[in-house]
Amino acid sequence: MTDELHRLGFKVMLWISPFVSADSPEFRDLADKGFLLKNKNGTPAVVNWWNGYSACYDMTNPAAVESLKQTLNECMGKYGIDGFKFDAGDIAILLTESTTTTTRTPTKTFSPNDGPNWDFPTLQ
């Protein structure tokens, strides 16, 4: 399908969020590696967001960021995906119940310079 969309002149992007279902092998793998936000008791936090209850990548953990980047880059290579739209993972949802690898003081405004340096190809 991706090849057909490209043949028709479309770019193919996927809409993703940093959440993972707590009832999945991916959750167990990410939890074992320490790549998920944690509750105050140190276990992976399961948060309520618009699509139900899920765990969330700890994007303050450089190893978690690298793991997600690797997964997305593999998806781009294997399926010909041109880019991603990142959604959810809103700081307001996460601050009340979870802890991060790196402590940061939230502000009311965010800039692209606040986040990790994603090394993905630029869409033309």
Protein backbone atom coordinates (compact mmCIF):
# COMPACT_ATOMS: atom_id res chain seq x y z
CA MET A 1 0.00 0.00 0.00
CA THR A 2 2.83 2.44 0.82
CA ASP A 3 4.41 1.84 -2.59
CA GLU A 4 1.08 2.55 -4.29
CA LEU A 5 0.61 5.79 -2.34
CA HIS A 6 4.14 6.88 -3.26
CA ARG A 7 3.46 6.01 -6.91
CA LEU A 8 0.42 8.30 -6.74
CA GLY A 9 2.60 11.13 -5.40
CA PHE A 10 1.66 10.94 -1.72
CA LYS A 11 3.96 11.08 1.29
CA VAL A 12 3.04 8.52 3.95
CA MET A 13 3.10 9.63 7.57
CA LEU A 14 1.97 7.79 10.68
CA TRP A 15 0.23 9.42 13.63
CA ILE A 16 1.85 8.07 16.78
CA SER A 17 1.84 8.66 20.51
CA PRO A 18 4.45 7.71 23.12
CA PHE A 19 2.08 5.26 24.84
CA VAL A 20 2.24 1.48 25.06
CA SER A 21 -0.48 -0.89 26.21
CA ALA A 22 0.27 -2.35 29.64
CA ASP A 23 -1.02 -5.70 28.36
CA SER A 24 1.65 -6.25 25.72
CA PRO A 25 5.08 -7.81 25.27
CA GLU A 26 6.40 -4.35 24.35
CA PHE A 27 5.34 -2.99 27.75
CA ARG A 28 7.20 -5.75 29.59
CA ASP A 29 10.33 -5.22 27.48
CA LEU A 30 10.30 -1.43 27.93
CA ALA A 31 9.58 -1.74 31.66
CA ASP A 32 12.49 -4.16 32.12
CA LYS A 33 14.79 -1.66 30.40
CA GLY A 34 13.54 1.27 32.52
CA PHE A 35 12.22 3.14 29.46
CA LEU A 36 8.77 4.01 30.90
CA LEU A 37 7.62 6.76 33.25
CA LYS A 38 7.40 5.48 36.80
CA ASN A 39 4.99 5.96 39.70
CA LYS A 40 6.32 7.35 42.94
CA ASN A 41 6.79 3.74 44.11
CA GLY A 42 9.16 3.05 41.17
CA THR A 43 6.89 0.85 39.04
CA PRO A 44 5.81 1.82 35.51
CA ALA A 45 3.06 4.44 35.62
CA VAL A 46 -0.15 3.58 33.80
CA VAL A 47 -1.87 6.83 32.89
CA ASN A 48 -5.35 7.66 31.70
CA TRP A 49 -5.38 9.43 28.34
CA TRP A 50 -8.06 9.90 25.67
CA ASN A 51 -7.48 6.38 24.29
CA GLY A 52 -7.65 4.51 27.61
CA TYR A 53 -4.95 3.44 30.05
CA SER A 54 -1.36 2.98 28.94
CA ALA A 55 2.24 3.38 30.01
CA CYS A 56 4.30 6.18 28.48
CA TYR A 57 7.88 6.38 27.25
CA ASP A 58 10.12 8.41 29.57
CA MET A 59 11.41 10.87 27.00
CA THR A 60 13.86 12.31 29.56
CA ASN A 61 15.72 8.98 29.43
CA PRO A 62 18.27 9.17 26.59
CA ALA A 63 18.25 5.38 26.17
CA ALA A 64 14.45 5.38 25.80
CA VAL A 65 14.70 8.14 23.19
CA GLU A 66 17.31 6.15 21.25
CA SER A 67 15.13 3.03 21.43
CA LEU A 68 12.10 4.87 20.06
CA LYS A 69 14.20 6.51 17.35
CA GLN A 70 15.57 3.10 16.33
CA THR A 71 12.06 1.63 16.16
CA LEU A 72 10.78 4.53 14.04
CA ASN A 73 13.81 4.48 11.74
CA GLU A 74 13.31 0.72 11.22
CA CYS A 75 9.65 1.40 10.37
CA MET A 76 10.73 4.02 7.83
CA GLY A 77 13.18 1.63 6.21
CA LYS A 78 10.99 -1.47 6.24
CA TYR A 79 7.68 0.09 5.19
CA GLY A 80 8.78 3.24 3.33
CA ILE A 81 7.21 5.61 5.84
CA ASP A 82 8.12 9.25 5.15
CA GLY A 83 7.51 10.74 8.59
CA PHE A 84 5.54 10.82 11.81
CA LYS A 85 3.08 13.10 13.60
CA PHE A 86 3.69 12.90 17.34
CA ASP A 87 0.66 13.35 19.57
CA ALA A 88 -0.42 13.00 23.20
CA GLY A 89 2.07 12.42 25.99
CA ASP A 90 1.02 15.86 27.23
CA ILE A 91 3.06 17.07 30.16
CA ALA A 92 -0.10 18.07 32.06
CA ILE A 93 -1.26 14.43 32.12
CA LEU A 94 2.08 13.07 33.20
CA LEU A 95 3.23 15.50 35.89
CA THR A 96 0.68 14.58 38.54
CA GLU A 97 1.26 10.85 38.73
CA SER A 98 4.70 9.96 37.42
CA THR A 99 8.39 10.60 37.71
CA THR A 100 10.97 10.98 34.95
CA THR A 101 14.62 10.05 34.63
CA THR A 102 15.61 13.72 34.51
CA THR A 103 13.93 16.35 36.68
CA ARG A 104 12.74 19.32 34.67
CA THR A 105 10.76 22.38 35.64
CA PRO A 106 7.72 22.67 33.36
CA THR A 107 6.96 25.98 31.69
CA LYS A 108 3.85 27.25 29.96
CA THR A 109 5.59 27.42 26.58
CA PHE A 110 7.67 24.88 24.75
CA SER A 111 9.96 25.18 21.76
CA PRO A 112 11.45 22.59 19.41
CA ASN A 113 14.75 23.16 21.20
CA ASP A 114 13.26 21.78 24.45
CA GLY A 115 12.96 18.22 23.16
CA PRO A 116 15.38 15.56 22.00
CA ASN A 117 17.30 16.07 18.77
CA TRP A 118 15.42 13.75 16.41
CA ASP A 119 17.65 12.68 13.56
CA PHE A 120 15.01 11.80 10.96
CA PRO A 121 15.12 12.66 7.27
CA THR A 122 13.53 15.96 6.31
CA LEU A 123 10.38 15.73 4.19
CA GLN A 124 10.60 17.59 0.90
